[in-house]
Amino acid sequence: MNGKQVKDIVLGIIAVVAPDADLTNVKSDVRLRDQLDMDSMDFLDIVMELRKRYKIEVPKEDYPKLATLDSCVSYLGPKFATVAVV
C-alpha cells in the first residue's frame, strides 16, 4: 500500500469521526489535531476505527506516531501491508 492510500484511509476515518472537519487543505506535516481542531475523543475514535475496520492495534505509547498524515503513513504503512484492505 502506498502513502497516498494510507492518507486516504486516515482522512476517510477522520471524515466519519469528525464530520465537521474541513479536509480540503490538510497539510501532511502539521499535527492533525491542530489543523482539524479535534479533541482527544476524536483521536481515540480514529484509533478505534483502525482497529475495527482493519484490525490494526495502536498501543497508547504509539499515539504520538499518528500526529500528522506523514507520520501516519510511516507508522501505518507497514501495518497495512500485513492486513487485507477492502
PDB file of N, CA and C in Angstrom:
ATOM      1  N   MET A   1       0.856  -1.171   0.000  1.00  0.00           N
ATOM      2  CA  MET A   1       0.000   0.000   0.000  1.00  0.00           C
ATOM      3  C   MET A   1       0.899   1.229   0.000  1.00  0.00           C
ATOM      4  N   ASN A   2       0.550   2.194  -0.847  1.00  0.00           N
ATOM      5  CA  ASN A   2       1.389   3.387  -0.926  1.00  0.00           C
ATOM      6  C   ASN A   2       0.918   4.477   0.048  1.00  0.00           C
ATOM      7  N   GLY A   3       1.725   5.523   0.159  1.00  0.00           N
ATOM      8  CA  GLY A   3       1.441   6.591   1.103  1.00  0.00           C
ATOM      9  C   GLY A   3       0.123   7.291   0.851  1.00  0.00           C
ATOM     10  N   LYS A   4      -0.222   7.514  -0.417  1.00  0.00           N
ATOM     11  CA  LYS A   4      -1.487   8.181  -0.724  1.00  0.00           C
ATOM     12  C   LYS A   4      -2.673   7.344  -0.253  1.00  0.00           C
ATOM     13  N   GLN A   5      -2.578   6.037  -0.419  1.00  0.00           N
ATOM     14  CA  GLN A   5      -3.656   5.157   0.031  1.00  0.00           C
ATOM     15  C   GLN A   5      -3.821   5.212   1.549  1.00  0.00           C
ATOM     16  N   VAL A   6      -2.706   5.228   2.271  1.00  0.00           N
ATOM     17  CA  VAL A   6      -2.776   5.319   3.734  1.00  0.00           C
ATOM     18  C   VAL A   6      -3.398   6.656   4.129  1.00  0.00           C
ATOM     19  N   LYS A   7      -2.963   7.733   3.490  1.00  0.00           N
ATOM     20  CA  LYS A   7      -3.529   9.058   3.787  1.00  0.00           C
ATOM     21  C   LYS A   7      -5.026   9.073   3.512  1.00  0.00           C
ATOM     22  N   ASP A   8      -5.440   8.483   2.401  1.00  0.00           N
ATOM     23  CA  ASP A   8      -6.867   8.443   2.056  1.00  0.00           C
ATOM     24  C   ASP A   8      -7.668   7.671   3.103  1.00  0.00           C
ATOM     25  N   ILE A   9      -7.103   6.578   3.598  1.00  0.00           N
ATOM     26  CA  ILE A   9      -7.786   5.799   4.636  1.00  0.00           C
ATOM     27  C   ILE A   9      -7.920   6.629   5.906  1.00  0.00           C
ATOM     28  N   VAL A  10      -6.845   7.278   6.325  1.00  0.00           N
ATOM     29  CA  VAL A  10      -6.872   8.086   7.542  1.00  0.00           C
ATOM     30  C   VAL A  10      -7.863   9.238   7.384  1.00  0.00           C
ATOM     31  N   LEU A  11      -7.829   9.917   6.253  1.00  0.00           N
ATOM     32  CA  LEU A  11      -8.763  11.024   6.023  1.00  0.00           C
ATOM     33  C   LEU A  11     -10.207  10.524   5.962  1.00  0.00           C
ATOM     34  N   GLY A  12     -10.409   9.340   5.406  1.00  0.00           N
ATOM     35  CA  GLY A  12     -11.747   8.755   5.371  1.00  0.00           C
ATOM     36  C   GLY A  12     -12.276   8.471   6.759  1.00  0.00           C
ATOM     37  N   ILE A  13     -11.403   7.985   7.631  1.00  0.00           N
ATOM     38  CA  ILE A  13     -11.811   7.733   9.013  1.00  0.00           C
ATOM     39  C   ILE A  13     -12.096   9.055   9.724  1.00  0.00           C
ATOM     40  N   ILE A  14     -11.252  10.057   9.492  1.00  0.00           N
ATOM     41  CA  ILE A  14     -11.487  11.364  10.111  1.00  0.00           C
ATOM     42  C   ILE A  14     -12.817  11.938   9.658  1.00  0.00           C
ATOM     43  N   ALA A  15     -13.152  11.766   8.395  1.00  0.00           N
ATOM     44  CA  ALA A  15     -14.428  12.274   7.874  1.00  0.00           C
ATOM     45  C   ALA A  15     -15.611  11.657   8.603  1.00  0.00           C
ATOM     46  N   VAL A  16     -15.456  10.416   9.072  1.00  0.00           N
ATOM     47  CA  VAL A  16     -16.527   9.737   9.805  1.00  0.00           C
ATOM     48  C   VAL A  16     -16.580  10.195  11.257  1.00  0.00           C
ATOM     49  N   VAL A  17     -15.421  10.258  11.913  1.00  0.00           N
ATOM     50  CA  VAL A  17     -15.411  10.571  13.348  1.00  0.00           C
ATOM     51  C   VAL A  17     -15.520  12.071  13.628  1.00  0.00           C
ATOM     52  N   ALA A  18     -15.140  12.898  12.661  1.00  0.00           N
ATOM     53  CA  ALA A  18     -15.236  14.353  12.817  1.00  0.00           C
ATOM     54  C   ALA A  18     -15.844  14.937  11.546  1.00  0.00           C
ATOM     55  N   PRO A  19     -17.140  14.705  11.346  1.00  0.00           N
ATOM     56  CA  PRO A  19     -17.770  15.084  10.081  1.00  0.00           C
ATOM     57  C   PRO A  19     -17.745  16.585   9.781  1.00  0.00           C
ATOM     58  N   ASP A  20     -17.543  17.412  10.775  1.00  0.00           N
ATOM     59  CA  ASP A  20     -17.490  18.850  10.545  1.00  0.00           C
ATOM     60  C   ASP A  20     -16.100  19.343  10.155  1.00  0.00           C
ATOM     61  N   ALA A  21     -15.111  18.471  10.200  1.00  0.00           N
ATOM     62  CA  ALA A  21     -13.734  18.856   9.878  1.00  0.00           C
ATOM     63  C   ALA A  21     -13.607  19.144   8.387  1.00  0.00           C
ATOM     64  N   ASP A  22     -12.912  20.235   8.071  1.00  0.00           N
ATOM     65  CA  ASP A  22     -12.648  20.594   6.678  1.00  0.00           C
ATOM     66  C   ASP A  22     -11.371  19.882   6.236  1.00  0.00           C
ATOM     67  N   LEU A  23     -11.512  18.881   5.403  1.00  0.00           N
ATOM     68  CA  LEU A  23     -10.381  18.056   4.982  1.00  0.00           C
ATOM     69  C   LEU A  23      -9.786  18.495   3.650  1.00  0.00           C
ATOM     70  N   THR A  24     -10.224  19.635   3.117  1.00  0.00           N
ATOM     71  CA  THR A  24      -9.800  20.031   1.778  1.00  0.00           C
ATOM     72  C   THR A  24      -8.334  20.458   1.701  1.00  0.00           C
ATOM     73  N   ASN A  25      -7.792  21.043   2.749  1.00  0.00           N
ATOM     74  CA  ASN A  25      -6.418  21.539   2.683  1.00  0.00           C
ATOM     75  C   ASN A  25      -5.559  21.019   3.830  1.00  0.00           C
ATOM     76  N   VAL A  26      -5.697  19.754   4.148  1.00  0.00           N
ATOM     77  CA  VAL A  26      -4.920  19.173   5.242  1.00  0.00           C
ATOM     78  C   VAL A  26      -3.461  19.055   4.810  1.00  0.00           C
ATOM     79  N   LYS A  27      -2.588  19.606   5.632  1.00  0.00           N
ATOM     80  CA  LYS A  27      -1.149  19.538   5.356  1.00  0.00           C
ATOM     81  C   LYS A  27      -0.593  18.243   5.941  1.00  0.00           C
ATOM     82  N   SER A  28       0.294  17.615   5.205  1.00  0.00           N
ATOM     83  CA  SER A  28       0.826  16.311   5.602  1.00  0.00           C
ATOM     84  C   SER A  28       1.775  16.370   6.785  1.00  0.00           C
ATOM     85  N   ASP A  29       2.385  17.535   7.012  1.00  0.00           N
ATOM     86  CA  ASP A  29       3.430  17.622   8.037  1.00  0.00           C
ATOM     87  C   ASP A  29       3.023  18.445   9.262  1.00  0.00           C
ATOM     88  N   VAL A  30       1.738  18.759   9.384  1.00  0.00           N
ATOM     89  CA  VAL A  30       1.232  19.536  10.523  1.00  0.00           C
ATOM     90  C   VAL A  30       0.308  18.630  11.339  1.00  0.00           C
ATOM     91  N   ARG A  31       0.398  18.741  12.665  1.00  0.00           N
ATOM     92  CA  ARG A  31      -0.424  17.894  13.539  1.00  0.00           C
ATOM     93  C   ARG A  31      -1.894  17.952  13.148  1.00  0.00           C
ATOM     94  N   LEU A  32      -2.488  16.784  12.981  1.00  0.00           N
ATOM     95  CA  LEU A  32      -3.892  16.690  12.588  1.00  0.00           C
ATOM     96  C   LEU A  32      -4.805  17.352  13.616  1.00  0.00           C
ATOM     97  N   ARG A  33      -4.534  17.128  14.881  1.00  0.00           N
ATOM     98  CA  ARG A  33      -5.389  17.687  15.930  1.00  0.00           C
ATOM     99  C   ARG A  33      -5.384  19.208  15.879  1.00  0.00           C
ATOM    100  N   ASP A  34      -4.250  19.810  15.538  1.00  0.00           N
ATOM    101  CA  ASP A  34      -4.169  21.263  15.449  1.00  0.00           C
ATOM    102  C   ASP A  34      -4.904  21.787  14.210  1.00  0.00           C
ATOM    103  N   GLN A  35      -4.726  21.112  13.092  1.00  0.00           N
ATOM    104  CA  GLN A  35      -5.348  21.555  11.844  1.00  0.00           C
ATOM    105  C   GLN A  35      -6.860  21.419  11.855  1.00  0.00           C
ATOM    106  N   LEU A  36      -7.329  20.327  12.440  1.00  0.00           N
ATOM    107  CA  LEU A  36      -8.743  19.981  12.327  1.00  0.00           C
ATOM    108  C   LEU A  36      -9.520  20.226  13.618  1.00  0.00           C
ATOM    109  N   ASP A  37      -8.855  20.810  14.598  1.00  0.00           N
ATOM    110  CA  ASP A  37      -9.496  21.134  15.870  1.00  0.00           C
ATOM    111  C   ASP A  37     -10.186  19.916  16.469  1.00  0.00           C
ATOM    112  N   MET A  38      -9.474  18.787  16.443  1.00  0.00           N
ATOM    113  CA  MET A  38     -10.010  17.549  17.014  1.00  0.00           C
ATOM    114  C   MET A  38      -9.611  17.460  18.474  1.00  0.00           C
ATOM    115  N   ASP A  39     -10.476  16.865  19.276  1.00  0.00           N
ATOM    116  CA  ASP A  39     -10.129  16.661  20.678  1.00  0.00           C
ATOM    117  C   ASP A  39      -9.632  15.228  20.879  1.00  0.00           C
ATOM    118  N   SER A  40      -9.307  14.902  22.117  1.00  0.00           N
ATOM    119  CA  SER A  40      -8.742  13.582  22.401  1.00  0.00           C
ATOM    120  C   SER A  40      -9.734  12.462  22.103  1.00  0.00           C
ATOM    121  N   MET A  41     -11.015  12.728  22.278  1.00  0.00           N
ATOM    122  CA  MET A  41     -12.028  11.693  21.969  1.00  0.00           C
ATOM    123  C   MET A  41     -12.080  11.413  20.471  1.00  0.00           C
ATOM    124  N   ASP A  42     -11.979  12.454  19.658  1.00  0.00           N
ATOM    125  CA  ASP A  42     -11.934  12.253  18.205  1.00  0.00           C
ATOM    126  C   ASP A  42     -10.734  11.386  17.839  1.00  0.00           C
ATOM    127  N   PHE A  43      -9.597  11.687  18.463  1.00  0.00           N
ATOM    128  CA  PHE A  43      -8.398  10.916  18.174  1.00  0.00           C
ATOM    129  C   PHE A  43      -8.576   9.452  18.573  1.00  0.00           C
ATOM    130  N   LEU A  44      -9.141   9.226  19.746  1.00  0.00           N
ATOM    131  CA  LEU A  44      -9.384   7.847  20.178  1.00  0.00           C
ATOM    132  C   LEU A  44     -10.356   7.139  19.243  1.00  0.00           C
ATOM    133  N   ASP A  45     -11.325   7.867  18.715  1.00  0.00           N
ATOM    134  CA  ASP A  45     -12.254   7.279  17.752  1.00  0.00           C
ATOM    135  C   ASP A  45     -11.519   6.842  16.479  1.00  0.00           C
ATOM    136  N   ILE A  46     -10.528   7.606  16.075  1.00  0.00           N
ATOM    137  CA  ILE A  46      -9.724   7.228  14.899  1.00  0.00           C
ATOM    138  C   ILE A  46      -8.998   5.914  15.180  1.00  0.00           C
ATOM    139  N   VAL A  47      -8.382   5.822  16.340  1.00  0.00           N
ATOM    140  CA  VAL A  47      -7.669   4.599  16.725  1.00  0.00           C
ATOM    141  C   VAL A  47      -8.636   3.412  16.768  1.00  0.00           C
ATOM    142  N   MET A  48      -9.824   3.639  17.313  1.00  0.00           N
ATOM    143  CA  MET A  48     -10.830   2.567  17.392  1.00  0.00           C
ATOM    144  C   MET A  48     -11.284   2.121  16.002  1.00  0.00           C
ATOM    145  N   GLU A  49     -11.454   3.071  15.098  1.00  0.00           N
ATOM    146  CA  GLU A  49     -11.851   2.728  13.723  1.00  0.00           C
ATOM    147  C   GLU A  49     -10.761   1.930  13.018  1.00  0.00           C
ATOM    148  N   LEU A  50      -9.510   2.279  13.259  1.00  0.00           N
ATOM    149  CA  LEU A  50      -8.413   1.494  12.672  1.00  0.00           C
ATOM    150  C   LEU A  50      -8.478   0.051  13.151  1.00  0.00           C
ATOM    151  N   ARG A  51      -8.788  -0.117  14.423  1.00  0.00           N
ATOM    152  CA  ARG A  51      -8.891  -1.478  14.975  1.00  0.00           C
ATOM    153  C   ARG A  51     -10.119  -2.188  14.415  1.00  0.00           C
ATOM    154  N   LYS A  52     -11.243  -1.498  14.388  1.00  0.00           N
ATOM    155  CA  LYS A  52     -12.492  -2.119  13.946  1.00  0.00           C
ATOM    156  C   LYS A  52     -12.455  -2.469  12.453  1.00  0.00           C
ATOM    157  N   ARG A  53     -12.022  -1.533  11.638  1.00  0.00           N
ATOM    158  CA  ARG A  53     -12.053  -1.753  10.182  1.00  0.00           C
ATOM    159  C   ARG A  53     -10.912  -2.624   9.667  1.00  0.00           C
ATOM    160  N   TYR A  54      -9.721  -2.429  10.240  1.00  0.00           N
ATOM    161  CA  TYR A  54      -8.528  -3.045   9.661  1.00  0.00           C
ATOM    162  C   TYR A  54      -7.774  -3.966  10.611  1.00  0.00           C
ATOM    163  N   LYS A  55      -8.292  -4.131  11.839  1.00  0.00           N
ATOM    164  CA  LYS A  55      -7.644  -4.997  12.836  1.00  0.00           C
ATOM    165  C   LYS A  55      -6.227  -4.517  13.166  1.00  0.00           C
ATOM    166  N   ILE A  56      -6.011  -3.211  13.080  1.00  0.00           N
ATOM    167  CA  ILE A  56      -4.716  -2.629  13.408  1.00  0.00           C
ATOM    168  C   ILE A  56      -4.769  -2.095  14.833  1.00  0.00           C
ATOM    169  N   GLU A  57      -3.909  -2.632  15.669  1.00  0.00           N
ATOM    170  CA  GLU A  57      -3.809  -2.204  17.055  1.00  0.00           C
ATOM    171  C   GLU A  57      -2.754  -1.113  17.170  1.00  0.00           C
ATOM    172  N   VAL A  58      -3.108  -0.027  17.833  1.00  0.00           N
ATOM    173  CA  VAL A  58      -2.159   1.055  18.085  1.00  0.00           C
ATOM    174  C   VAL A  58      -2.041   1.205  19.599  1.00  0.00           C
ATOM    175  N   PRO A  59      -0.930   0.765  20.173  1.00  0.00           N
ATOM    176  CA  PRO A  59      -0.761   0.909  21.618  1.00  0.00           C
ATOM    177  C   PRO A  59      -0.689   2.384  22.014  1.00  0.00           C
ATOM    178  N   LYS A  60      -1.124   2.665  23.216  1.00  0.00           N
ATOM    179  CA  LYS A  60      -1.179   4.047  23.702  1.00  0.00           C
ATOM    180  C   LYS A  60       0.160   4.764  23.546  1.00  0.00           C
ATOM    181  N   GLU A  61       1.249   4.063  23.781  1.00  0.00           N
ATOM    182  CA  GLU A  61       2.560   4.704  23.681  1.00  0.00           C
ATOM    183  C   GLU A  61       2.921   5.080  22.240  1.00  0.00           C
ATOM    184  N   ASP A  62       2.193   4.539  21.264  1.00  0.00           N
ATOM    185  CA  ASP A  62       2.439   4.869  19.858  1.00  0.00           C
ATOM    186  C   ASP A  62       1.519   5.977  19.335  1.00  0.00           C
ATOM    187  N   TYR A  63       0.604   6.468  20.127  1.00  0.00           N
ATOM    188  CA  TYR A  63      -0.311   7.517  19.671  1.00  0.00           C
ATOM    189  C   TYR A  63       0.417   8.714  19.057  1.00  0.00           C
ATOM    190  N   PRO A  64       1.547   9.164  19.637  1.00  0.00           N
ATOM    191  CA  PRO A  64       2.244  10.297  19.019  1.00  0.00           C
ATOM    192  C   PRO A  64       2.707  10.027  17.588  1.00  0.00           C
ATOM    193  N   LYS A  65       2.823   8.756  17.225  1.00  0.00           N
ATOM    194  CA  LYS A  65       3.253   8.403  15.866  1.00  0.00           C
ATOM    195  C   LYS A  65       2.140   8.620  14.843  1.00  0.00           C
ATOM    196  N   LEU A  66       0.950   8.999  15.305  1.00  0.00           N
ATOM    197  CA  LEU A  66      -0.170   9.286  14.414  1.00  0.00           C
ATOM    198  C   LEU A  66      -0.502  10.778  14.412  1.00  0.00           C
ATOM    199  N   ALA A  67       0.465  11.604  14.737  1.00  0.00           N
ATOM    200  CA  ALA A  67       0.215  13.041  14.887  1.00  0.00           C
ATOM    201  C   ALA A  67      -0.072  13.742  13.564  1.00  0.00           C
ATOM    202  N   THR A  68       0.666  13.402  12.513  1.00  0.00           N
ATOM    203  CA  THR A  68       0.499  14.044  11.207  1.00  0.00           C
ATOM    204  C   THR A  68       0.158  12.983  10.162  1.00  0.00           C
ATOM    205  N   LEU A  69      -0.272  13.429   8.997  1.00  0.00           N
ATOM    206  CA  LEU A  69      -0.527  12.460   7.925  1.00  0.00           C
ATOM    207  C   LEU A  69       0.756  11.728   7.539  1.00  0.00           C
ATOM    208  N   ASP A  70       1.866  12.477   7.475  1.00  0.00           N
ATOM    209  CA  ASP A  70       3.137  11.834   7.127  1.00  0.00           C
ATOM    210  C   ASP A  70       3.531  10.786   8.157  1.00  0.00           C
ATOM    211  N   SER A  71       3.347  11.106   9.446  1.00  0.00           N
ATOM    212  CA  SER A  71       3.717  10.122  10.468  1.00  0.00           C
ATOM    213  C   SER A  71       2.751   8.940  10.457  1.00  0.00           C
ATOM    214  N   CYS A  72       1.493   9.170  10.078  1.00  0.00           N
ATOM    215  CA  CYS A  72       0.540   8.067   9.927  1.00  0.00           C
ATOM    216  C   CYS A  72       1.007   7.113   8.833  1.00  0.00           C
ATOM    217  N   VAL A  73       1.490   7.678   7.720  1.00  0.00           N
ATOM    218  CA  VAL A  73       1.986   6.845   6.622  1.00  0.00           C
ATOM    219  C   VAL A  73       3.175   6.008   7.093  1.00  0.00           C
ATOM    220  N   SER A  74       4.105   6.639   7.798  1.00  0.00           N
ATOM    221  CA  SER A  74       5.294   5.924   8.276  1.00  0.00           C
ATOM    222  C   SER A  74       4.922   4.806   9.248  1.00  0.00           C
ATOM    223  N   TYR A  75       3.989   5.091  10.146  1.00  0.00           N
ATOM    224  CA  TYR A  75       3.624   4.114  11.167  1.00  0.00           C
ATOM    225  C   TYR A  75       2.655   3.053  10.638  1.00  0.00           C
ATOM    226  N   LEU A  76       1.628   3.490   9.906  1.00  0.00           N
ATOM    227  CA  LEU A  76       0.573   2.567   9.485  1.00  0.00           C
ATOM    228  C   LEU A  76       0.901   1.799   8.207  1.00  0.00           C
ATOM    229  N   GLY A  77       1.731   2.362   7.350  1.00  0.00           N
ATOM    230  CA  GLY A  77       2.062   1.707   6.084  1.00  0.00           C
ATOM    231  C   GLY A  77       2.480   0.260   6.258  1.00  0.00           C
ATOM    232  N   PRO A  78       3.471  -0.010   7.104  1.00  0.00           N
ATOM    233  CA  PRO A  78       3.883  -1.408   7.314  1.00  0.00           C
ATOM    234  C   PRO A  78       2.787  -2.268   7.928  1.00  0.00           C
ATOM    235  N   LYS A  79       1.946  -1.662   8.760  1.00  0.00           N
ATOM    236  CA  LYS A  79       0.852  -2.430   9.383  1.00  0.00           C
ATOM    237  C   LYS A  79      -0.205  -2.797   8.345  1.00  0.00           C
ATOM    238  N   PHE A  80      -0.505  -1.884   7.431  1.00  0.00           N
ATOM    239  CA  PHE A  80      -1.464  -2.197   6.369  1.00  0.00           C
ATOM    240  C   PHE A  80      -0.943  -3.280   5.445  1.00  0.00           C
ATOM    241  N   ALA A  81       0.363  -3.399   5.329  1.00  0.00           N
ATOM    242  CA  ALA A  81       0.948  -4.427   4.472  1.00  0.00           C
ATOM    243  C   ALA A  81       0.639  -5.832   4.980  1.00  0.00           C
ATOM    244  N   THR A  82       0.274  -5.950   6.274  1.00  0.00           N
ATOM    245  CA  THR A  82       0.031  -7.257   6.848  1.00  0.00           C
ATOM    246  C   THR A  82      -1.460  -7.589   6.972  1.00  0.00           C
ATOM    247  N   VAL A  83      -2.335  -6.647   6.580  1.00  0.00           N
ATOM    248  CA  VAL A  83      -3.776  -6.896   6.675  1.00  0.00           C
ATOM    249  C   VAL A  83      -4.405  -6.768   5.286  1.00  0.00           C
ATOM    250  N   ALA A  84      -5.545  -7.386   5.128  1.00  0.00           N
ATOM    251  CA  ALA A  84      -6.296  -7.276   3.873  1.00  0.00           C
ATOM    252  C   ALA A  84      -7.159  -6.034   3.944  1.00  0.00           C
ATOM    253  N   VAL A  85      -6.919  -5.104   3.022  1.00  0.00           N
ATOM    254  CA  VAL A  85      -7.702  -3.866   2.976  1.00  0.00           C
ATOM    255  C   VAL A  85      -8.733  -3.984   1.873  1.00  0.00           C
ATOM    256  N   VAL A  86      -9.995  -3.762   2.247  1.00  0.00           N
ATOM    257  CA  VAL A  86     -11.073  -3.823   1.259  1.00  0.00           C
ATOM    258  C   VAL A  86     -11.693  -2.478   1.045  1.00  0.00           C
TER     259      VAL A  86
END
